[in-house]
Amino acid sequence: MPIRQLHESEVTATIAETAVPVVIDFWAAWCGPCRAVAPQVERIADAYGDRVLVVGVDIDAAPSVAAAFGVRSIPTIMRFDRGAPTATIIGAHPAETIVHALGIPPLA
């Protein structure tokens, strides 16, 4: 299932108002590692369903969002809880590594 892409104007409200953890994949179309990790991020979204909201932010379309969260390298995947960033992983990794690094409990 494709990941919903957030516009710049949606990011703050989404991370602040969502009751479940929000995982944002910061990416760009020209980024090879971003394309490589995209299926892994989709696996996480599919596996966790409504327990975790997984979204994407194209840093070329939303440079101020990337700057606000200190994204200096992509792919960067960040977890937010109640509006605050709580974990980050940089680079292309398997879904299991991403979930572990972000502190998302494994599925039973």
PDB file of N, CA and C in Angstrom:
ATOM      1  N   MET A   1       0.849  -1.177   0.000  1.00  0.00           N
ATOM      2  CA  MET A   1       0.000   0.000   0.000  1.00  0.00           C
ATOM      3  C   MET A   1       0.892   1.236   0.000  1.00  0.00           C
ATOM      4  N   PRO A   2       0.657   2.179  -0.909  1.00  0.00           N
ATOM      5  CA  PRO A   2       1.488   3.388  -0.961  1.00  0.00           C
ATOM      6  C   PRO A   2       1.341   4.217   0.322  1.00  0.00           C
ATOM      7  N   ILE A   3       2.412   4.824   0.697  1.00  0.00           N
ATOM      8  CA  ILE A   3       2.445   5.674   1.882  1.00  0.00           C
ATOM      9  C   ILE A   3       1.858   7.037   1.522  1.00  0.00           C
ATOM     10  N   ARG A   4       0.976   7.550   2.381  1.00  0.00           N
ATOM     11  CA  ARG A   4       0.408   8.881   2.146  1.00  0.00           C
ATOM     12  C   ARG A   4       1.496   9.929   2.321  1.00  0.00           C
ATOM     13  N   GLN A   5       1.589  10.829   1.364  1.00  0.00           N
ATOM     14  CA  GLN A   5       2.571  11.898   1.413  1.00  0.00           C
ATOM     15  C   GLN A   5       1.948  13.135   2.034  1.00  0.00           C
ATOM     16  N   LEU A   6       2.630  13.716   2.999  1.00  0.00           N
ATOM     17  CA  LEU A   6       2.137  14.920   3.658  1.00  0.00           C
ATOM     18  C   LEU A   6       2.676  16.161   2.963  1.00  0.00           C
ATOM     19  N   HIS A   7       1.828  17.169   2.862  1.00  0.00           N
ATOM     20  CA  HIS A   7       2.249  18.488   2.399  1.00  0.00           C
ATOM     21  C   HIS A   7       2.816  19.236   3.595  1.00  0.00           C
ATOM     22  N   GLU A   8       3.597  20.244   3.323  1.00  0.00           N
ATOM     23  CA  GLU A   8       4.217  21.037   4.384  1.00  0.00           C
ATOM     24  C   GLU A   8       3.204  21.489   5.433  1.00  0.00           C
ATOM     25  N   SER A   9       2.053  21.914   4.977  1.00  0.00           N
ATOM     26  CA  SER A   9       1.041  22.454   5.883  1.00  0.00           C
ATOM     27  C   SER A   9       0.390  21.395   6.767  1.00  0.00           C
ATOM     28  N   GLU A  10       0.569  20.121   6.460  1.00  0.00           N
ATOM     29  CA  GLU A  10      -0.076  19.045   7.209  1.00  0.00           C
ATOM     30  C   GLU A  10       0.792  18.429   8.305  1.00  0.00           C
ATOM     31  N   VAL A  11       2.080  18.620   8.240  1.00  0.00           N
ATOM     32  CA  VAL A  11       2.998  17.881   9.107  1.00  0.00           C
ATOM     33  C   VAL A  11       2.774  18.183  10.585  1.00  0.00           C
ATOM     34  N   THR A  12       2.772  19.435  10.956  1.00  0.00           N
ATOM     35  CA  THR A  12       2.656  19.798  12.371  1.00  0.00           C
ATOM     36  C   THR A  12       1.375  19.259  12.980  1.00  0.00           C
ATOM     37  N   ALA A  13       0.260  19.456  12.315  1.00  0.00           N
ATOM     38  CA  ALA A  13      -1.022  18.972  12.842  1.00  0.00           C
ATOM     39  C   ALA A  13      -1.045  17.455  12.912  1.00  0.00           C
ATOM     40  N   THR A  14      -0.505  16.793  11.911  1.00  0.00           N
ATOM     41  CA  THR A  14      -0.521  15.332  11.887  1.00  0.00           C
ATOM     42  C   THR A  14       0.247  14.758  13.068  1.00  0.00           C
ATOM     43  N   ILE A  15       1.450  15.256  13.315  1.00  0.00           N
ATOM     44  CA  ILE A  15       2.234  14.682  14.414  1.00  0.00           C
ATOM     45  C   ILE A  15       1.689  15.083  15.780  1.00  0.00           C
ATOM     46  N   ALA A  16       1.030  16.232  15.863  1.00  0.00           N
ATOM     47  CA  ALA A  16       0.510  16.696  17.152  1.00  0.00           C
ATOM     48  C   ALA A  16      -0.837  16.077  17.502  1.00  0.00           C
ATOM     49  N   GLU A  17      -1.651  15.804  16.498  1.00  0.00           N
ATOM     50  CA  GLU A  17      -3.034  15.394  16.750  1.00  0.00           C
ATOM     51  C   GLU A  17      -3.295  13.899  16.604  1.00  0.00           C
ATOM     52  N   THR A  18      -2.306  13.134  16.196  1.00  0.00           N
ATOM     53  CA  THR A  18      -2.493  11.706  15.993  1.00  0.00           C
ATOM     54  C   THR A  18      -2.207  10.970  17.294  1.00  0.00           C
ATOM     55  N   ALA A  19      -3.150  10.129  17.700  1.00  0.00           N
ATOM     56  CA  ALA A  19      -3.049   9.432  18.989  1.00  0.00           C
ATOM     57  C   ALA A  19      -1.990   8.333  18.994  1.00  0.00           C
ATOM     58  N   VAL A  20      -1.709   7.761  17.842  1.00  0.00           N
ATOM     59  CA  VAL A  20      -0.719   6.689  17.754  1.00  0.00           C
ATOM     60  C   VAL A  20       0.618   7.283  17.322  1.00  0.00           C
ATOM     61  N   PRO A  21       1.712   6.537  17.487  1.00  0.00           N
ATOM     62  CA  PRO A  21       2.997   7.044  16.991  1.00  0.00           C
ATOM     63  C   PRO A  21       2.924   7.336  15.494  1.00  0.00           C
ATOM     64  N   VAL A  22       3.604   8.401  15.089  1.00  0.00           N
ATOM     65  CA  VAL A  22       3.683   8.784  13.677  1.00  0.00           C
ATOM     66  C   VAL A  22       5.111   8.535  13.217  1.00  0.00           C
ATOM     67  N   VAL A  23       5.257   7.808  12.120  1.00  0.00           N
ATOM     68  CA  VAL A  23       6.563   7.553  11.523  1.00  0.00           C
ATOM     69  C   VAL A  23       6.607   8.311  10.205  1.00  0.00           C
ATOM     70  N   ILE A  24       7.593   9.197  10.076  1.00  0.00           N
ATOM     71  CA  ILE A  24       7.749   9.975   8.843  1.00  0.00           C
ATOM     72  C   ILE A  24       9.007   9.516   8.125  1.00  0.00           C
ATOM     73  N   ASP A  25       8.824   9.170   6.858  1.00  0.00           N
ATOM     74  CA  ASP A  25       9.928   8.833   5.962  1.00  0.00           C
ATOM     75  C   ASP A  25      10.259  10.087   5.169  1.00  0.00           C
ATOM     76  N   PHE A  26      11.396  10.723   5.461  1.00  0.00           N
ATOM     77  CA  PHE A  26      11.867  11.880   4.710  1.00  0.00           C
ATOM     78  C   PHE A  26      12.664  11.360   3.521  1.00  0.00           C
ATOM     79  N   TRP A  27      12.278  11.745   2.316  1.00  0.00           N
ATOM     80  CA  TRP A  27      12.844  11.174   1.103  1.00  0.00           C
ATOM     81  C   TRP A  27      12.883  12.213  -0.006  1.00  0.00           C
ATOM     82  N   ALA A  28      13.454  11.828  -1.162  1.00  0.00           N
ATOM     83  CA  ALA A  28      13.430  12.636  -2.384  1.00  0.00           C
ATOM     84  C   ALA A  28      13.455  11.690  -3.577  1.00  0.00           C
ATOM     85  N   ALA A  29      12.849  12.119  -4.666  1.00  0.00           N
ATOM     86  CA  ALA A  29      12.744  11.276  -5.864  1.00  0.00           C
ATOM     87  C   ALA A  29      14.110  10.913  -6.447  1.00  0.00           C
ATOM     88  N   TRP A  30      15.097  11.775  -6.312  1.00  0.00           N
ATOM     89  CA  TRP A  30      16.417  11.536  -6.890  1.00  0.00           C
ATOM     90  C   TRP A  30      17.307  10.649  -6.015  1.00  0.00           C
ATOM     91  N   CYS A  31      16.822  10.256  -4.846  1.00  0.00           N
ATOM     92  CA  CYS A  31      17.617   9.525  -3.853  1.00  0.00           C
ATOM     93  C   CYS A  31      17.469   8.012  -4.042  1.00  0.00           C
ATOM     94  N   GLY A  32      18.531   7.362  -4.489  1.00  0.00           N
ATOM     95  CA  GLY A  32      18.513   5.912  -4.685  1.00  0.00           C
ATOM     96  C   GLY A  32      18.226   5.131  -3.412  1.00  0.00           C
ATOM     97  N   PRO A  33      18.908   5.420  -2.301  1.00  0.00           N
ATOM     98  CA  PRO A  33      18.604   4.717  -1.059  1.00  0.00           C
ATOM     99  C   PRO A  33      17.153   4.924  -0.595  1.00  0.00           C
ATOM    100  N   CYS A  34      16.588   6.080  -0.895  1.00  0.00           N
ATOM    101  CA  CYS A  34      15.174   6.328  -0.537  1.00  0.00           C
ATOM    102  C   CYS A  34      14.265   5.372  -1.297  1.00  0.00           C
ATOM    103  N   ARG A  35      14.550   5.181  -2.577  1.00  0.00           N
ATOM    104  CA  ARG A  35      13.756   4.239  -3.384  1.00  0.00           C
ATOM    105  C   ARG A  35      13.961   2.812  -2.875  1.00  0.00           C
ATOM    106  N   ALA A  36      15.169   2.504  -2.415  1.00  0.00           N
ATOM    107  CA  ALA A  36      15.451   1.158  -1.916  1.00  0.00           C
ATOM    108  C   ALA A  36      14.713   0.870  -0.613  1.00  0.00           C
ATOM    109  N   VAL A  37      14.575   1.858   0.262  1.00  0.00           N
ATOM    110  CA  VAL A  37      13.941   1.633   1.560  1.00  0.00           C
ATOM    111  C   VAL A  37      12.415   1.765   1.487  1.00  0.00           C
ATOM    112  N   ALA A  38      11.889   2.360   0.440  1.00  0.00           N
ATOM    113  CA  ALA A  38      10.442   2.573   0.334  1.00  0.00           C
ATOM    114  C   ALA A  38       9.623   1.290   0.533  1.00  0.00           C
ATOM    115  N   PRO A  39      10.001   0.161  -0.071  1.00  0.00           N
ATOM    116  CA  PRO A  39       9.217  -1.058   0.172  1.00  0.00           C
ATOM    117  C   PRO A  39       9.263  -1.515   1.635  1.00  0.00           C
ATOM    118  N   GLN A  40      10.362  -1.248   2.319  1.00  0.00           N
ATOM    119  CA  GLN A  40      10.468  -1.612   3.733  1.00  0.00           C
ATOM    120  C   GLN A  40       9.532  -0.747   4.585  1.00  0.00           C
ATOM    121  N   VAL A  41       9.456   0.531   4.248  1.00  0.00           N
ATOM    122  CA  VAL A  41       8.558   1.447   4.961  1.00  0.00           C
ATOM    123  C   VAL A  41       7.102   1.039   4.702  1.00  0.00           C
ATOM    124  N   GLU A  42       6.806   0.646   3.473  1.00  0.00           N
ATOM    125  CA  GLU A  42       5.450   0.178   3.153  1.00  0.00           C
ATOM    126  C   GLU A  42       5.120  -1.101   3.929  1.00  0.00           C
ATOM    127  N   ARG A  43       6.100  -1.991   4.096  1.00  0.00           N
ATOM    128  CA  ARG A  43       5.884  -3.211   4.898  1.00  0.00           C
ATOM    129  C   ARG A  43       5.502  -2.859   6.326  1.00  0.00           C
ATOM    130  N   ILE A  44       6.162  -1.855   6.880  1.00  0.00           N
ATOM    131  CA  ILE A  44       5.852  -1.422   8.250  1.00  0.00           C
ATOM    132  C   ILE A  44       4.428  -0.879   8.302  1.00  0.00           C
ATOM    133  N   ALA A  45       4.071  -0.032   7.346  1.00  0.00           N
ATOM    134  CA  ALA A  45       2.720   0.534   7.315  1.00  0.00           C
ATOM    135  C   ALA A  45       1.675  -0.557   7.210  1.00  0.00           C
ATOM    136  N   ASP A  46       1.909  -1.531   6.352  1.00  0.00           N
ATOM    137  CA  ASP A  46       0.958  -2.633   6.184  1.00  0.00           C
ATOM    138  C   ASP A  46       0.867  -3.489   7.441  1.00  0.00           C
ATOM    139  N   ALA A  47       2.001  -3.780   8.057  1.00  0.00           N
ATOM    140  CA  ALA A  47       2.029  -4.669   9.216  1.00  0.00           C
ATOM    141  C   ALA A  47       1.393  -4.037  10.449  1.00  0.00           C
ATOM    142  N   TYR A  48       1.605  -2.759  10.655  1.00  0.00           N
ATOM    143  CA  TYR A  48       1.136  -2.122  11.880  1.00  0.00           C
ATOM    144  C   TYR A  48      -0.245  -1.494  11.745  1.00  0.00           C
ATOM    145  N   GLY A  49      -0.745  -1.371  10.528  1.00  0.00           N
ATOM    146  CA  GLY A  49      -2.106  -0.885  10.322  1.00  0.00           C
ATOM    147  C   GLY A  49      -2.395   0.393  11.074  1.00  0.00           C
ATOM    148  N   ASP A  50      -3.410   0.355  11.946  1.00  0.00           N
ATOM    149  CA  ASP A  50      -3.820   1.562  12.660  1.00  0.00           C
ATOM    150  C   ASP A  50      -3.085   1.761  13.990  1.00  0.00           C
ATOM    151  N   ARG A  51      -2.084   0.938  14.283  1.00  0.00           N
ATOM    152  CA  ARG A  51      -1.309   1.103  15.526  1.00  0.00           C
ATOM    153  C   ARG A  51      -0.179   2.113  15.383  1.00  0.00           C
ATOM    154  N   VAL A  52       0.224   2.375  14.139  1.00  0.00           N
ATOM    155  CA  VAL A  52       1.268   3.354  13.830  1.00  0.00           C
ATOM    156  C   VAL A  52       0.860   4.033  12.525  1.00  0.00           C
ATOM    157  N   LEU A  53       0.927   5.358  12.480  1.00  0.00           N
ATOM    158  CA  LEU A  53       0.653   6.086  11.242  1.00  0.00           C
ATOM    159  C   LEU A  53       1.979   6.306  10.527  1.00  0.00           C
ATOM    160  N   VAL A  54       2.117   5.751   9.328  1.00  0.00           N
ATOM    161  CA  VAL A  54       3.342   5.890   8.546  1.00  0.00           C
ATOM    162  C   VAL A  54       3.045   6.804   7.359  1.00  0.00           C
ATOM    163  N   VAL A  55       3.831   7.880   7.244  1.00  0.00           N
ATOM    164  CA  VAL A  55       3.635   8.866   6.181  1.00  0.00           C
ATOM    165  C   VAL A  55       4.986   9.227   5.578  1.00  0.00           C
ATOM    166  N   GLY A  56       4.957   9.940   4.473  1.00  0.00           N
ATOM    167  CA  GLY A  56       6.177  10.391   3.822  1.00  0.00           C
ATOM    168  C   GLY A  56       6.196  11.898   3.666  1.00  0.00           C
ATOM    169  N   VAL A  57       7.406  12.455   3.603  1.00  0.00           N
ATOM    170  CA  VAL A  57       7.597  13.865   3.315  1.00  0.00           C
ATOM    171  C   VAL A  57       8.714  13.973   2.291  1.00  0.00           C
ATOM    172  N   ASP A  58       8.386  14.507   1.123  1.00  0.00           N
ATOM    173  CA  ASP A  58       9.365  14.764   0.068  1.00  0.00           C
ATOM    174  C   ASP A  58      10.120  16.033   0.459  1.00  0.00           C
ATOM    175  N   ILE A  59      11.401  15.910   0.741  1.00  0.00           N
ATOM    176  CA  ILE A  59      12.151  17.068   1.225  1.00  0.00           C
ATOM    177  C   ILE A  59      12.286  18.167   0.171  1.00  0.00           C
ATOM    178  N   ASP A  60      12.176  17.822  -1.100  1.00  0.00           N
ATOM    179  CA  ASP A  60      12.229  18.849  -2.136  1.00  0.00           C
ATOM    180  C   ASP A  60      10.944  19.670  -2.157  1.00  0.00           C
ATOM    181  N   ALA A  61       9.817  19.041  -1.827  1.00  0.00           N
ATOM    182  CA  ALA A  61       8.535  19.740  -1.783  1.00  0.00           C
ATOM    183  C   ALA A  61       8.299  20.417  -0.440  1.00  0.00           C
ATOM    184  N   ALA A  62       9.005  19.984   0.597  1.00  0.00           N
ATOM    185  CA  ALA A  62       8.810  20.518   1.950  1.00  0.00           C
ATOM    186  C   ALA A  62      10.155  20.775   2.628  1.00  0.00           C
ATOM    187  N   PRO A  63      10.991  21.643   2.048  1.00  0.00           N
ATOM    188  CA  PRO A  63      12.321  21.847   2.630  1.00  0.00           C
ATOM    189  C   PRO A  63      12.294  22.448   4.033  1.00  0.00           C
ATOM    190  N   SER A  64      11.290  23.264   4.341  1.00  0.00           N
ATOM    191  CA  SER A  64      11.250  23.869   5.679  1.00  0.00           C
ATOM    192  C   SER A  64      10.951  22.827   6.746  1.00  0.00           C
ATOM    193  N   VAL A  65      10.180  21.797   6.396  1.00  0.00           N
ATOM    194  CA  VAL A  65       9.889  20.717   7.350  1.00  0.00           C
ATOM    195  C   VAL A  65      11.164  19.929   7.629  1.00  0.00           C
ATOM    196  N   ALA A  66      11.881  19.593   6.571  1.00  0.00           N
ATOM    197  CA  ALA A  66      13.139  18.865   6.746  1.00  0.00           C
ATOM    198  C   ALA A  66      14.108  19.671   7.600  1.00  0.00           C
ATOM    199  N   ALA A  67      14.204  20.957   7.338  1.00  0.00           N
ATOM    200  CA  ALA A  67      15.108  21.813   8.112  1.00  0.00           C
ATOM    201  C   ALA A  67      14.665  21.906   9.569  1.00  0.00           C
ATOM    202  N   ALA A  68      13.374  22.019   9.796  1.00  0.00           N
ATOM    203  CA  ALA A  68      12.853  22.144  11.166  1.00  0.00           C
ATOM    204  C   ALA A  68      13.182  20.925  12.017  1.00  0.00           C
ATOM    205  N   PHE A  69      13.250  19.751  11.397  1.00  0.00           N
ATOM    206  CA  PHE A  69      13.538  18.531  12.143  1.00  0.00           C
ATOM    207  C   PHE A  69      14.995  18.090  12.004  1.00  0.00           C
ATOM    208  N   GLY A  70      15.836  18.939  11.431  1.00  0.00           N
ATOM    209  CA  GLY A  70      17.261  18.651  11.365  1.00  0.00           C
ATOM    210  C   GLY A  70      17.635  17.532  10.409  1.00  0.00           C
ATOM    211  N   VAL A  71      16.821  17.310   9.383  1.00  0.00           N
ATOM    212  CA  VAL A  71      17.127  16.263   8.413  1.00  0.00           C
ATOM    213  C   VAL A  71      18.259  16.753   7.525  1.00  0.00           C
ATOM    214  N   ARG A  72      19.406  16.085   7.613  1.00  0.00           N
ATOM    215  CA  ARG A  72      20.588  16.471   6.850  1.00  0.00           C
ATOM    216  C   ARG A  72      21.000  15.412   5.839  1.00  0.00           C
ATOM    217  N   SER A  73      20.437  14.228   5.977  1.00  0.00           N
ATOM    218  CA  SER A  73      20.749  13.117   5.090  1.00  0.00           C
ATOM    219  C   SER A  73      19.473  12.315   4.892  1.00  0.00           C
ATOM    220  N   ILE A  74      19.313  11.776   3.693  1.00  0.00           N
ATOM    221  CA  ILE A  74      18.122  10.967   3.432  1.00  0.00           C
ATOM    222  C   ILE A  74      18.547   9.620   2.877  1.00  0.00           C
ATOM    223  N   PRO A  75      17.734   8.609   3.101  1.00  0.00           N
ATOM    224  CA  PRO A  75      16.479   8.631   3.819  1.00  0.00           C
ATOM    225  C   PRO A  75      16.695   8.785   5.333  1.00  0.00           C
ATOM    226  N   THR A  76      15.847   9.594   5.934  1.00  0.00           N
ATOM    227  CA  THR A  76      15.764   9.720   7.379  1.00  0.00           C
ATOM    228  C   THR A  76      14.355   9.318   7.762  1.00  0.00           C
ATOM    229  N   ILE A  77      14.238   8.435   8.717  1.00  0.00           N
ATOM    230  CA  ILE A  77      12.928   7.981   9.182  1.00  0.00           C
ATOM    231  C   ILE A  77      12.843   8.333  10.663  1.00  0.00           C
ATOM    232  N   MET A  78      11.810   9.102  11.019  1.00  0.00           N
ATOM    233  CA  MET A  78      11.667   9.579  12.392  1.00  0.00           C
ATOM    234  C   MET A  78      10.340   9.132  12.990  1.00  0.00           C
ATOM    235  N   ARG A  79      10.377   8.851  14.286  1.00  0.00           N
ATOM    236  CA  ARG A  79       9.161   8.542  15.033  1.00  0.00           C
ATOM    237  C   ARG A  79       8.798   9.761  15.880  1.00  0.00           C
ATOM    238  N   PHE A  80       7.498  10.065  15.913  1.00  0.00           N
ATOM    239  CA  PHE A  80       6.977  11.157  16.724  1.00  0.00           C
ATOM    240  C   PHE A  80       5.902  10.612  17.651  1.00  0.00           C
ATOM    241  N   ASP A  81       5.942  11.045  18.889  1.00  0.00           N
ATOM    242  CA  ASP A  81       4.916  10.706  19.865  1.00  0.00           C
ATOM    243  C   ASP A  81       4.388  12.013  20.440  1.00  0.00           C
ATOM    244  N   ARG A  82       3.076  12.209  20.287  1.00  0.00           N
ATOM    245  CA  ARG A  82       2.416  13.420  20.798  1.00  0.00           C
ATOM    246  C   ARG A  82       3.112  14.690  20.330  1.00  0.00           C
ATOM    247  N   GLY A  83       3.564  14.699  19.087  1.00  0.00           N
ATOM    248  CA  GLY A  83       4.158  15.883  18.492  1.00  0.00           C
ATOM    249  C   GLY A  83       5.656  16.016  18.630  1.00  0.00           C
ATOM    250  N   ALA A  84       6.275  15.194  19.451  1.00  0.00           N
ATOM    251  CA  ALA A  84       7.717  15.311  19.675  1.00  0.00           C
ATOM    252  C   ALA A  84       8.475  14.168  19.005  1.00  0.00           C
ATOM    253  N   PRO A  85       9.620  14.486  18.374  1.00  0.00           N
ATOM    254  CA  PRO A  85      10.435  13.411  17.807  1.00  0.00           C
ATOM    255  C   PRO A  85      11.039  12.577  18.929  1.00  0.00           C
ATOM    256  N   THR A  86      10.930  11.252  18.800  1.00  0.00           N
ATOM    257  CA  THR A  86      11.425  10.373  19.864  1.00  0.00           C
ATOM    258  C   THR A  86      12.496   9.400  19.393  1.00  0.00           C
ATOM    259  N   ALA A  87      12.626   9.195  18.081  1.00  0.00           N
ATOM    260  CA  ALA A  87      13.649   8.278  17.573  1.00  0.00           C
ATOM    261  C   ALA A  87      13.899   8.567  16.099  1.00  0.00           C
ATOM    262  N   THR A  88      15.103   8.270  15.652  1.00  0.00           N
ATOM    263  CA  THR A  88      15.490   8.525  14.257  1.00  0.00           C
ATOM    264  C   THR A  88      16.404   7.406  13.782  1.00  0.00           C
ATOM    265  N   ILE A  89      16.250   7.044  12.520  1.00  0.00           N
ATOM    266  CA  ILE A  89      17.199   6.148  11.856  1.00  0.00           C
ATOM    267  C   ILE A  89      17.488   6.739  10.476  1.00  0.00           C
ATOM    268  N   ILE A  90      18.745   6.730  10.101  1.00  0.00           N
ATOM    269  CA  ILE A  90      19.173   7.297   8.819  1.00  0.00           C
ATOM    270  C   ILE A  90      19.719   6.180   7.957  1.00  0.00           C
ATOM    271  N   GLY A  91      19.328   6.189   6.690  1.00  0.00           N
ATOM    272  CA  GLY A  91      19.822   5.217   5.734  1.00  0.00           C
ATOM    273  C   GLY A  91      18.795   4.158   5.393  1.00  0.00           C
ATOM    274  N   ALA A  92      19.133   3.342   4.421  1.00  0.00           N
ATOM    275  CA  ALA A  92      18.252   2.258   3.962  1.00  0.00           C
ATOM    276  C   ALA A  92      18.528   1.007   4.788  1.00  0.00           C
ATOM    277  N   HIS A  93      17.491   0.519   5.465  1.00  0.00           N
ATOM    278  CA  HIS A  93      17.611  -0.647   6.340  1.00  0.00           C
ATOM    279  C   HIS A  93      16.407  -1.555   6.143  1.00  0.00           C
ATOM    280  N   PRO A  94      16.506  -2.817   6.543  1.00  0.00           N
ATOM    281  CA  PRO A  94      15.336  -3.702   6.518  1.00  0.00           C
ATOM    282  C   PRO A  94      14.275  -3.208   7.507  1.00  0.00           C
ATOM    283  N   ALA A  95      13.033  -3.598   7.261  1.00  0.00           N
ATOM    284  CA  ALA A  95      11.913  -3.177   8.110  1.00  0.00           C
ATOM    285  C   ALA A  95      12.162  -3.504   9.574  1.00  0.00           C
ATOM    286  N   GLU A  96      12.691  -4.682   9.852  1.00  0.00           N
ATOM    287  CA  GLU A  96      12.922  -5.095  11.235  1.00  0.00           C
ATOM    288  C   GLU A  96      13.900  -4.164  11.944  1.00  0.00           C
ATOM    289  N   THR A  97      14.936  -3.730  11.247  1.00  0.00           N
ATOM    290  CA  THR A  97      15.917  -2.809  11.818  1.00  0.00           C
ATOM    291  C   THR A  97      15.285  -1.452  12.082  1.00  0.00           C
ATOM    292  N   ILE A  98      14.465  -0.986  11.153  1.00  0.00           N
ATOM    293  CA  ILE A  98      13.788   0.306  11.316  1.00  0.00           C
ATOM    294  C   ILE A  98      12.863   0.270  12.526  1.00  0.00           C
ATOM    295  N   VAL A  99      12.050  -0.769  12.619  1.00  0.00           N
ATOM    296  CA  VAL A  99      11.107  -0.911  13.736  1.00  0.00           C
ATOM    297  C   VAL A  99      11.864  -0.925  15.064  1.00  0.00           C
ATOM    298  N   HIS A 100      12.939  -1.688  15.134  1.00  0.00           N
ATOM    299  CA  HIS A 100      13.727  -1.772  16.364  1.00  0.00           C
ATOM    300  C   HIS A 100      14.331  -0.408  16.712  1.00  0.00           C
ATOM    301  N   ALA A 101      14.934   0.259  15.727  1.00  0.00           N
ATOM    302  CA  ALA A 101      15.590   1.548  15.973  1.00  0.00           C
ATOM    303  C   ALA A 101      14.584   2.609  16.425  1.00  0.00           C
ATOM    304  N   LEU A 102      13.357   2.526  15.932  1.00  0.00           N
ATOM    305  CA  LEU A 102      12.331   3.507  16.292  1.00  0.00           C
ATOM    306  C   LEU A 102      11.594   3.144  17.569  1.00  0.00           C
ATOM    307  N   GLY A 103      11.916   2.000  18.136  1.00  0.00           N
ATOM    308  CA  GLY A 103      11.290   1.601  19.395  1.00  0.00           C
ATOM    309  C   GLY A 103       9.837   1.221  19.256  1.00  0.00           C
ATOM    310  N   ILE A 104       9.485   0.692  18.095  1.00  0.00           N
ATOM    311  CA  ILE A 104       8.118   0.248  17.871  1.00  0.00           C
ATOM    312  C   ILE A 104       8.030  -1.208  18.341  1.00  0.00           C
ATOM    313  N   PRO A 105       7.105  -1.534  19.245  1.00  0.00           N
ATOM    314  CA  PRO A 105       7.034  -2.901  19.746  1.00  0.00           C
ATOM    315  C   PRO A 105       6.782  -3.904  18.622  1.00  0.00           C
ATOM    316  N   PRO A 106       7.452  -5.044  18.671  1.00  0.00           N
ATOM    317  CA  PRO A 106       7.232  -6.048  17.626  1.00  0.00           C
ATOM    318  C   PRO A 106       5.780  -6.559  17.676  1.00  0.00           C
ATOM    319  N   LEU A 107       5.324  -6.981  16.539  1.00  0.00           N
ATOM    320  CA  LEU A 107       3.967  -7.558  16.462  1.00  0.00           C
ATOM    321  C   LEU A 107       3.968  -8.943  17.096  1.00  0.00           C
ATOM    322  N   ALA A 108       2.894  -9.261  17.761  1.00  0.00           N
ATOM    323  CA  ALA A 108       2.783 -10.585  18.412  1.00  0.00           C
ATOM    324  C   ALA A 108       2.536 -11.673  17.406  1.00  0.00           C
TER     325      ALA A 108
END
